[in-house]
Protein backbone atom coordinates (compact mmCIF):
# COMPACT_ATOMS: atom_id res chain seq x y z
CA MET A 1 13.08 30.02 45.18
CA THR A 2 13.05 26.98 47.45
CA ASN A 3 9.82 25.18 48.15
CA HIS A 4 10.15 25.05 51.90
CA LYS A 5 7.01 23.77 53.58
CA THR A 6 5.95 25.51 56.76
CA ALA A 7 6.06 23.11 59.70
CA LEU A 8 2.89 22.75 61.74
CA ALA A 9 4.71 24.05 64.84
CA ASP A 10 5.64 27.24 62.96
CA ARG A 11 2.10 28.03 61.86
CA VAL A 12 0.26 30.74 63.76
CA PRO A 13 -3.30 29.57 64.57
CA PHE A 14 -5.91 31.58 62.70
CA GLY A 15 -7.45 32.78 65.96
CA GLN A 16 -4.12 34.31 66.98
CA LYS A 17 -3.78 35.91 63.56
CA LEU A 18 -7.19 37.50 64.01
CA ALA A 19 -6.28 38.70 67.50
CA PHE A 20 -3.03 40.22 66.23
CA GLY A 21 -4.93 41.73 63.29
CA SER A 22 -7.46 43.23 65.72
CA GLY A 23 -4.59 45.01 67.44
CA HIS A 24 -3.49 46.37 64.08
CA LEU A 25 -7.01 47.53 63.32
CA ALA A 26 -6.88 49.59 66.51
CA ASN A 27 -3.35 50.70 65.64
CA GLN A 28 -4.57 51.98 62.25
CA LEU A 29 -7.95 53.34 63.36
CA PHE A 30 -6.43 55.79 65.85
CA PRO A 31 -4.33 57.73 63.27
CA ALA A 32 -7.02 57.39 60.61
CA ALA A 33 -9.61 58.92 62.94
CA LEU A 34 -7.22 61.61 64.13
CA GLY A 35 -6.68 62.76 60.56
CA ILE A 36 -10.42 63.42 60.27
CA PHE A 37 -11.04 64.75 63.77
CA MET A 38 -8.18 67.27 63.62
CA VAL A 39 -10.04 69.26 60.93
CA VAL A 40 -12.66 70.13 63.57
CA LEU A 41 -10.08 72.18 65.50
CA VAL A 42 -9.76 74.75 62.70
CA LEU A 43 -13.06 74.60 60.86
CA SER A 44 -15.45 74.35 63.80
CA LEU A 45 -13.57 75.33 66.96
CA LYS A 46 -11.94 78.22 65.04
CA MET A 47 -8.48 77.54 66.39
CA ASP A 48 -5.59 79.42 64.83
CA PRO A 49 -4.12 77.17 62.06
CA PHE A 50 -0.62 77.63 63.47
CA LEU A 51 -1.73 76.44 66.93
CA ALA A 52 -3.56 73.52 65.32
CA GLY A 53 -0.34 72.68 63.49
CA VAL A 54 1.55 72.71 66.78
CA LEU A 55 -1.03 70.32 68.25
CA ALA A 56 -0.54 68.03 65.26
CA ALA A 57 3.27 68.13 65.18
CA LEU A 58 4.52 68.42 68.78
CA PRO A 59 2.91 65.24 70.17
CA ARG A 60 4.21 63.31 67.15
CA VAL A 61 7.76 64.44 67.86
CA TYR A 62 7.29 63.29 71.45
CA ASP A 63 5.83 60.01 70.18
CA ALA A 64 8.81 59.36 67.89
CA ILE A 65 11.27 59.89 70.76
CA ILE A 66 9.55 57.67 73.32
CA ASP A 67 8.98 54.97 70.69
CA LEU A 68 12.67 54.09 70.85
CA VAL A 69 12.65 54.00 74.65
CA MET A 70 9.54 51.82 74.73
CA GLY A 71 11.09 49.41 72.24
CA TYR A 72 14.09 48.93 74.53
CA VAL A 73 11.90 48.56 77.63
CA SER A 74 9.71 45.91 76.00
CA ASP A 75 12.68 43.97 74.62
CA ASN A 76 14.27 43.78 78.07
CA THR A 77 11.21 43.13 80.22
CA ARG A 78 10.94 39.70 81.82
CA SER A 79 7.66 38.96 83.59
CA ARG A 80 5.34 36.03 84.17
CA TRP A 81 3.04 37.49 81.51
CA GLY A 82 5.78 38.10 78.95
CA ARG A 83 7.64 41.13 77.65
CA ARG A 84 4.96 42.39 75.22
CA LYS A 85 1.45 41.55 76.42
CA PRO A 86 1.35 43.50 79.71
CA TYR A 87 2.24 46.71 77.88
CA ILE A 88 -0.22 46.02 75.05
CA PHE A 89 -3.01 45.54 77.60
CA ILE A 90 -2.21 48.63 79.67
CA GLY A 91 -1.38 50.80 76.66
CA SER A 92 -4.66 50.03 74.89
CA ILE A 93 -6.65 51.14 77.94
CA ILE A 94 -4.68 54.39 78.36
CA THR A 95 -4.96 55.17 74.64
CA GLY A 96 -8.68 54.43 74.37
CA VAL A 97 -9.68 56.42 77.45
CA SER A 98 -7.45 59.39 76.65
CA PHE A 99 -8.81 59.56 73.08
CA MET A 100 -12.34 59.88 74.46
CA VAL A 101 -11.36 62.56 76.97
CA MET A 102 -9.14 64.43 74.49
CA TRP A 103 -12.06 65.36 72.24
CA GLN A 104 -14.35 66.76 74.90
CA LEU A 105 -13.88 70.26 73.50
CA TYR A 106 -16.46 73.06 73.43
CA PRO A 107 -16.61 76.21 71.25
CA GLU A 108 -17.51 78.35 74.27
CA ASN A 109 -14.12 77.61 75.86
CA SER A 110 -11.32 80.02 75.06
CA GLN A 111 -8.79 79.13 72.37
CA THR A 112 -6.02 79.04 75.00
CA TYR A 113 -8.00 76.65 77.19
CA ASN A 114 -8.75 74.29 74.29
CA PHE A 115 -5.13 74.43 73.13
CA ILE A 116 -3.65 73.58 76.55
CA TYR A 117 -6.33 70.97 77.30
CA PHE A 118 -5.82 69.22 73.95
CA LEU A 119 -2.02 69.38 74.15
CA ILE A 120 -1.89 67.78 77.61
CA LEU A 121 -4.34 65.03 76.66
CA SER A 122 -2.48 64.48 73.38
CA LEU A 123 0.72 63.77 75.29
CA VAL A 124 -1.15 61.31 77.50
CA PHE A 125 -2.71 59.73 74.41
CA TYR A 126 0.61 59.31 72.60
CA THR A 127 2.23 57.92 75.73
CA GLY A 128 -0.44 55.23 75.87
CA TYR A 129 -0.26 54.73 72.11
CA THR A 130 3.49 54.08 72.29
CA ILE A 131 3.12 51.72 75.26
CA PHE A 132 0.58 49.81 73.16
CA ALA A 133 2.02 49.99 69.64
CA ALA A 134 5.77 49.38 70.10
CA PRO A 135 5.32 46.00 71.87
CA LEU A 136 2.54 45.07 69.42
CA ILE A 137 4.90 45.46 66.46
CA GLY A 138 7.58 43.48 68.29
CA LEU A 139 5.06 40.74 69.07
CA GLY A 140 4.27 40.32 65.38
CA TYR A 141 7.92 39.86 64.48
CA GLU A 142 8.31 36.95 66.90
CA MET A 143 5.00 35.06 66.53
CA SER A 144 6.49 32.77 63.89
CA THR A 145 10.02 31.82 62.87
CA ASP A 146 8.98 30.68 59.38
CA TYR A 147 9.84 32.83 56.36
CA ASN A 148 6.47 32.49 54.61
CA GLU A 149 4.26 32.25 57.68
CA ARG A 150 5.51 35.66 58.72
CA THR A 151 4.18 37.10 55.47
CA ARG A 152 0.83 35.37 55.95
CA LEU A 153 0.58 36.78 59.48
CA MET A 154 1.39 40.29 58.31
CA ALA A 155 -1.06 39.92 55.43
CA VAL A 156 -3.89 39.20 57.88
CA SER A 157 -2.88 42.12 60.10
CA GLN A 158 -2.62 44.53 57.19
CA TRP A 159 -5.93 43.28 55.76
CA MET A 160 -7.67 44.01 59.03
CA GLY A 161 -5.83 47.33 59.35
CA GLN A 162 -7.32 48.43 56.02
CA ILE A 163 -10.78 48.33 57.60
CA ALA A 164 -9.79 51.50 59.47
CA TRP A 165 -9.17 53.32 56.19
CA MET A 166 -12.45 52.06 54.73
CA VAL A 167 -14.38 53.46 57.69
CA ALA A 168 -12.46 56.62 58.66
CA PRO A 169 -13.33 58.78 55.60
CA TRP A 170 -16.97 58.57 56.63
CA PHE A 171 -16.31 59.99 60.08
CA TRP A 172 -16.15 63.36 58.31
CA VAL A 173 -19.61 62.80 56.86
CA ILE A 174 -21.04 61.75 60.24
CA ILE A 175 -19.49 64.61 62.21
CA TYR A 176 -20.75 67.27 59.80
CA ASP A 177 -24.19 65.77 59.15
CA LYS A 178 -26.74 68.25 60.53
CA ASP A 179 -29.35 65.50 60.72
CA ILE A 180 -27.19 63.62 63.24
CA TYR A 181 -25.46 66.36 65.26
CA ASP A 182 -26.22 70.02 65.82
CA SER A 183 -22.54 70.90 65.47
CA ALA A 184 -19.25 69.31 64.44
CA PRO A 185 -17.70 69.64 67.94
CA GLU A 186 -20.68 67.72 69.33
CA GLY A 187 -20.16 65.09 66.64
CA ALA A 188 -16.47 64.77 67.50
CA ARG A 189 -17.24 64.51 71.22
CA ASN A 190 -19.78 61.73 70.75
CA LEU A 191 -17.95 59.85 68.01
CA SER A 192 -14.77 59.82 70.12
CA TYR A 193 -16.51 57.52 72.63
CA PHE A 194 -17.19 55.01 69.87
CA VAL A 195 -13.67 55.19 68.38
CA GLY A 196 -11.85 55.15 71.72
CA GLY A 197 -13.98 52.36 73.16
CA LEU A 198 -13.77 50.17 70.06
CA CYS A 199 -10.00 50.61 69.75
CA MET A 200 -9.53 49.82 73.44
CA LEU A 201 -11.40 46.52 73.07
CA LEU A 202 -9.61 45.60 69.85
CA GLY A 203 -6.23 46.52 71.31
CA ILE A 204 -6.64 44.22 74.30
CA LEU A 205 -7.20 41.09 72.17
CA PRO A 206 -3.51 40.47 71.24
CA ALA A 207 -2.61 40.64 74.93
CA LEU A 208 -5.19 38.01 75.73
CA PHE A 209 -4.83 35.55 72.86
CA CYS A 210 -1.44 35.86 71.12
CA LYS A 211 1.58 33.78 72.06
CA GLU A 212 5.00 35.29 72.70
CA LEU A 213 8.40 33.84 71.90
CA GLU A 214 10.02 32.18 74.91
CA LEU A 215 13.57 33.38 75.60
CA LYS A 216 14.85 31.03 78.28
CA GLU A 217 18.03 30.30 76.34
CA LEU A 218 19.06 33.98 75.99
CA LYS A 219 21.42 34.95 78.80
CA GLU A 220 22.23 38.47 77.65
CA GLU A 221 19.46 40.63 79.06
CA SER A 222 19.21 43.92 80.90
CA LYS A 223 17.85 44.33 84.40
CA LEU A 224 15.45 47.25 84.25
CA ASN A 225 15.50 49.21 87.49
CA PHE A 226 16.66 52.57 88.84
CA LYS A 227 19.80 51.00 90.30
CA ASN A 228 20.97 50.01 86.83
CA LEU A 229 19.78 53.21 85.17
CA ALA A 230 23.23 54.17 83.86
CA ALA A 231 23.87 50.69 82.51
CA ASN A 232 20.39 50.60 80.97
CA ALA A 233 20.99 53.93 79.25
CA LYS A 234 24.30 52.72 77.84
CA GLU A 235 22.76 49.48 76.59
CA PHE A 236 19.88 51.43 75.07
CA PHE A 237 22.22 53.49 72.89
CA VAL A 238 24.35 50.46 72.03
CA GLY A 239 21.19 48.64 70.92
CA ILE A 240 20.08 51.56 68.75
CA LYS A 241 23.55 51.73 67.20
CA GLN A 242 23.58 48.01 66.42
CA THR A 243 20.07 48.23 64.99
CA ILE A 244 20.84 51.04 62.56
CA ALA A 245 24.16 49.39 61.66
CA CYS A 246 22.29 46.41 60.19
CA LYS A 247 22.58 46.99 56.44
CA PRO A 248 19.59 44.89 55.31
CA PHE A 249 17.43 46.74 57.83
CA LEU A 250 18.65 50.12 56.57
CA LYS A 251 17.59 49.10 53.06
CA LEU A 252 14.10 48.32 54.35
CA CYS A 253 13.92 51.66 56.15
CA GLY A 254 15.16 53.57 53.12
CA ALA A 255 12.69 51.92 50.75
CA THR A 256 9.84 52.48 53.21
CA PHE A 257 10.77 56.13 53.69
CA LEU A 258 10.64 56.72 49.94
CA ILE A 259 7.45 54.80 49.13
CA PHE A 260 5.53 56.11 52.11
CA ASN A 261 6.89 59.63 51.71
CA GLY A 262 5.82 59.71 48.06
CA PHE A 263 2.36 58.42 48.95
CA GLN A 264 1.86 60.81 51.86
CA THR A 265 3.09 63.83 49.91
CA ILE A 266 0.31 63.47 47.34
CA ALA A 267 -2.34 62.03 49.71
CA GLN A 268 -4.34 65.25 49.89
CA PHE A 269 -3.82 66.11 46.20
CA ALA A 270 -6.59 63.71 45.13
CA PHE A 271 -9.00 65.64 47.37
CA PHE A 272 -8.08 68.92 45.69
CA ILE A 273 -8.12 67.44 42.18
CA ILE A 274 -11.57 65.92 42.71
CA ILE A 275 -13.02 69.19 43.97
CA PHE A 276 -11.26 71.72 41.75
CA TYR A 277 -10.65 69.73 38.55
CA LEU A 278 -13.57 67.31 38.38
CA PHE A 279 -16.19 69.56 39.99
CA LYS A 280 -14.79 73.06 39.26
CA GLY A 281 -14.56 73.98 42.97
CA ASP A 282 -18.16 73.02 43.76
CA THR A 283 -17.86 71.26 47.12
CA THR A 284 -21.58 70.44 47.13
CA ALA A 285 -21.30 68.65 43.78
CA ALA A 286 -18.15 66.89 44.97
CA GLY A 287 -20.24 65.50 47.81
CA HIS A 288 -19.01 62.10 48.98
CA TRP A 289 -16.62 61.47 46.07
CA PRO A 290 -13.44 62.14 48.13
CA ALA A 291 -14.66 59.75 50.85
CA TRP A 292 -15.43 57.09 48.26
CA PHE A 293 -11.97 57.52 46.74
CA GLY A 294 -10.36 56.70 50.11
CA THR A 295 -12.73 53.84 50.87
CA VAL A 296 -12.33 52.18 47.47
CA SER A 297 -8.54 52.45 47.82
CA ALA A 298 -8.68 50.59 51.13
CA LEU A 299 -11.08 47.99 49.69
CA ALA A 300 -8.74 47.35 46.74
CA THR A 301 -5.79 46.97 49.10
CA ALA A 302 -7.61 44.54 51.39
CA PHE A 303 -9.37 42.32 48.87
CA LEU A 304 -7.03 42.46 45.87
CA VAL A 305 -3.53 43.62 46.70
CA ILE A 306 -2.77 41.84 49.98
CA PRO A 307 -3.85 38.35 48.78
CA ILE A 308 -1.86 38.75 45.54
CA ILE A 309 1.21 40.08 47.36
CA THR A 310 1.09 37.19 49.83
CA PHE A 311 0.94 34.69 46.96
CA MET A 312 3.69 36.44 45.00
CA SER A 313 6.07 36.57 47.96
CA GLN A 314 5.85 32.80 48.40
CA LYS A 315 6.54 32.22 44.69
CA ILE A 316 9.22 34.78 43.85
CA GLY A 317 10.46 35.98 47.26
CA LYS A 318 9.67 39.05 49.32
CA LYS A 319 12.16 41.41 47.69
CA ASN A 320 11.04 40.53 44.17
CA ALA A 321 7.39 40.81 45.19
CA PHE A 322 8.11 44.29 46.54
CA ILE A 323 9.77 45.36 43.29
CA VAL A 324 6.91 44.00 41.15
CA ALA A 325 4.30 45.63 43.42
CA THR A 326 6.07 48.99 43.21
CA LEU A 327 6.25 48.80 39.41
CA ILE A 328 2.54 47.96 39.21
CA SER A 329 1.74 50.96 41.43
CA MET A 330 3.71 53.20 39.05
CA VAL A 331 1.48 52.12 36.18
CA GLY A 332 -1.54 53.02 38.33
CA TYR A 333 -0.16 56.47 39.12
CA PHE A 334 0.54 57.05 35.43
CA LEU A 335 -3.06 56.14 34.54
CA LYS A 336 -4.36 58.84 36.90
CA TRP A 337 -3.83 61.35 34.11
CA TRP A 338 -6.75 59.79 32.22
CA GLY A 339 -8.55 58.45 35.29
CA PHE A 340 -9.44 61.91 36.59
CA SER A 341 -11.99 62.94 33.98
CA PRO A 342 -14.54 65.75 34.49
CA GLU A 343 -16.77 64.06 31.89
CA ASN A 344 -16.92 60.81 33.87
CA PRO A 345 -15.97 60.97 37.58
CA TYR A 346 -16.36 57.20 37.92
CA MET A 347 -13.13 56.78 35.95
CA MET A 348 -11.18 57.93 39.04
CA PHE A 349 -11.64 54.40 40.42
CA ILE A 350 -9.90 52.68 37.46
CA PRO A 351 -6.26 53.35 38.54
CA ILE A 352 -6.94 52.58 42.22
CA PRO A 353 -6.38 48.79 42.14
CA LEU A 354 -2.96 49.29 40.50
CA MET A 355 -1.93 52.22 42.72
CA SER A 356 -2.86 50.24 45.82
CA PHE A 357 -0.03 47.79 45.18
CA GLY A 358 2.40 50.45 46.43
CA ILE A 359 1.25 50.89 50.03
CA GLY A 360 -0.50 47.51 50.21
CA GLY A 361 2.66 45.66 49.27
CA LEU A 362 4.92 47.91 51.30
CA PHE A 363 3.80 47.18 54.85
CA THR A 364 2.78 43.55 54.26
CA LEU A 365 6.25 42.72 52.96
CA MET A 366 8.40 45.11 54.97
CA MET A 367 7.06 43.95 58.33
CA SER A 368 7.66 40.35 57.31
CA MET A 369 11.17 41.19 56.07
CA THR A 370 11.96 43.03 59.31
CA ALA A 371 11.12 39.85 61.22
CA ASP A 372 13.75 38.05 59.11
CA VAL A 373 16.24 40.81 59.93
CA CYS A 374 15.59 40.28 63.67
CA ASP A 375 16.83 36.70 63.27
CA LEU A 376 20.00 37.97 61.60
CA ASP A 377 20.48 40.41 64.47
CA GLU A 378 20.20 37.63 67.05
CA LEU A 379 22.72 35.57 65.11
CA ASN A 380 25.17 38.47 65.03
CA ASN A 381 24.58 39.98 68.50
CA GLY A 382 22.95 37.26 70.63
CA THR A 383 19.83 39.25 71.59
CA ARG A 384 16.21 39.59 70.47
CA ARG A 385 15.30 43.22 69.75
CA GLU A 386 12.02 43.00 67.84
CA ALA A 387 10.46 46.02 69.53
CA THR A 388 13.60 48.11 69.02
CA PHE A 389 13.66 47.25 65.33
CA GLY A 390 9.95 48.04 65.15
CA ALA A 391 10.44 51.36 66.96
CA VAL A 392 13.29 52.43 64.67
CA TYR A 393 11.32 51.33 61.58
CA TRP A 394 8.21 53.25 62.59
CA TRP A 395 10.34 56.22 63.61
CA MET A 396 11.42 56.24 59.96
CA VAL A 397 7.77 56.08 58.89
CA LYS A 398 6.90 58.99 61.17
CA LEU A 399 9.88 60.96 59.89
CA GLY A 400 8.59 60.29 56.39
CA THR A 401 5.18 61.62 57.39
CA ALA A 402 6.72 64.84 58.74
CA VAL A 403 8.82 65.30 55.59
CA ALA A 404 5.80 64.53 53.42
CA LEU A 405 3.66 67.16 55.14
CA LEU A 406 6.37 69.76 54.55
CA THR A 407 6.91 68.61 50.97
CA SER A 408 3.19 68.59 50.24
CA GLY A 409 2.82 72.20 51.34
CA ALA A 410 5.89 73.24 49.37
CA VAL A 411 4.57 71.56 46.22
CA LEU A 412 1.17 73.27 46.59
CA ASN A 413 2.93 76.63 46.85
CA LEU A 414 5.22 75.77 43.94
CA VAL A 415 2.34 74.94 41.58
CA GLY A 416 0.54 78.13 42.62
CA PHE A 417 -2.39 76.60 44.48
CA ASP A 418 -4.53 79.31 46.13
CA GLN A 419 -6.29 78.02 49.24
CA ASN A 420 -8.56 81.10 49.33
CA ALA A 421 -9.82 80.70 45.76
CA THR A 422 -12.98 78.78 44.95
CA VAL A 423 -11.71 78.11 41.42
CA GLN A 424 -8.11 77.23 40.49
CA THR A 425 -6.55 78.16 37.15
CA ALA A 426 -6.04 75.54 34.43
CA GLU A 427 -2.25 75.93 34.74
CA VAL A 428 -2.33 75.29 38.49
CA LEU A 429 -4.46 72.18 38.09
CA THR A 430 -2.26 70.82 35.30
CA ASN A 431 0.88 71.27 37.39
CA LEU A 432 -0.83 69.75 40.43
CA ARG A 433 -1.88 66.69 38.41
CA ILE A 434 1.67 66.28 37.07
CA ALA A 435 3.08 66.42 40.60
CA ASP A 436 0.40 63.97 41.75
CA ILE A 437 1.75 61.44 39.24
CA ALA A 438 5.47 62.22 39.07
CA ILE A 439 6.31 62.29 42.81
CA PRO A 440 5.28 58.71 43.73
CA ILE A 441 6.79 57.33 40.50
CA PHE A 442 10.11 59.03 41.25
CA THR A 443 10.23 57.86 44.89
CA GLY A 444 9.18 54.36 43.80
CA LEU A 445 12.12 54.14 41.38
CA LEU A 446 14.53 55.23 44.12
CA ALA A 447 13.05 52.63 46.49
CA ILE A 448 13.64 49.86 43.93
CA ILE A 449 17.26 50.95 43.55
CA ILE A 450 17.79 50.85 47.32
CA ILE A 451 16.18 47.43 47.82
CA TRP A 452 17.78 45.84 44.73
CA LYS A 453 20.71 44.27 46.64
CA TYR A 454 18.75 43.21 49.72
CA ASP A 455 20.01 39.66 50.20
CA ILE A 456 17.91 37.85 52.83
CA THR A 457 16.23 35.30 50.59
CA GLU A 458 14.13 32.38 51.79
CA ALA A 459 17.17 30.11 51.58
CA LYS A 460 19.32 32.49 53.63
CA ALA A 461 16.53 33.03 56.17
CA ASN A 462 16.29 29.27 56.67
CA GLU A 463 20.09 29.03 57.10
CA ILE A 464 19.96 31.74 59.77
CA ARG A 465 17.11 29.96 61.50
CA GLU A 466 18.97 26.63 61.58
CA ALA A 467 22.05 28.35 63.02
CA LEU A 468 19.93 29.94 65.75
CA ILE A 469 18.29 26.63 66.63
CA ALA A 470 21.70 24.97 66.92
CA ARG A 471 22.99 27.78 69.12
CA ARG A 472 19.95 27.73 71.40
CA GLU A 473 20.11 23.96 71.81
CA LYS A 474 23.78 24.25 72.73
CA VAL A 475 23.05 26.91 75.36
CA LEU A 476 20.21 24.88 76.86
CA GLY A 477 22.42 21.79 76.90
CA GLU A 478 25.15 23.67 78.78
CA ASP A 479 22.61 24.95 81.32
CA LYS A 480 21.51 21.40 82.10
CA LYS A 481 25.05 20.28 82.93
């Protein structure tokens, strides 16, 4: 590794890092809260599980599609306020307000009414969420051109994003606490004002305080209007093609798909293992243990994993840091066999710091590495497409989530889990615990194989940067003649 020192001009001021991190806190708090709130549809509003599944899946499909379009729009917008910040500002308002309105559901309404109402507001919500999130991701990729400063920026954003996962598990406790609310729907209605309002305020901060990359020297840009609609559509598909043709980027997407897919597949298994293995199906005895498991995982990621990963990446490189972090997480998953002990429930927290290296290292490093890939793309194609790269990357994450949900259900069926039983057999629990350990280890190994030949090192990233600076200076010099 080279010991390149970050120039003062390439450092992102801490205030801007906090503002960008605030946007990521909002970006994480929305899905974290949704995961808790959605349970209310079935358990308390008595909606048919299939219809609730449609409400969970259909808007996400819509979100994944418009993500790509929004990435292109943001990349090709030229305004006095920039190409990211106007959308972040507007999108955060739409998302926050629609989240509040979306959860104004009442048990006395018919199931059809609640279904249609929630579906329409969900589409509005995800429209705003995409308008907000796609430019936000693109903004992060361009806030610094330095190899290591990018990792430090993403570390701050991911650290702040973990706050959402520390807090969200307790929304369940609040919503269903009879001492606070008479009913869960009332709890969801009232709590949605807090979540939507807080996220709206946090989401606005990057638009107000973060600095965008100036693109005066780039001549190749699209003119977004109805007159050029056909040309815009053609350029959109050409841009997507060039993005997915970038081999280093495909390696990042593949590794992310595997790590995140493995994590998401077993995400709910810990909940079942805690209740049915540690507490023999006694949900009252299980109490707040599942919530604490999620909160401690987020705390370990924020205060242990992210600082260590940031340090490691500057010493041994981002790719090597990712491989080491993934291997450490495998050890943590393996230790879960002994960590889940009915005799001592506190032992469940022992593997958490090691397991947290998987997801904690993943997004801190991958977002930083994607920023390096954007430089390579500009060198090869002469354009800046941060939001498009971000949209394609997060489309892969969302695809992984969809696959994980399907895989998770298939695994539960395969091991013989009975959702109607208050007590699961010893054989079912043993098979479930094996799957809980084996799946993320297997996907982690595959991810290491995919990323092994990723070749954008710090030295190569600096070479790309110098080539871009030379090209930009040449273009600006020609414009002055």
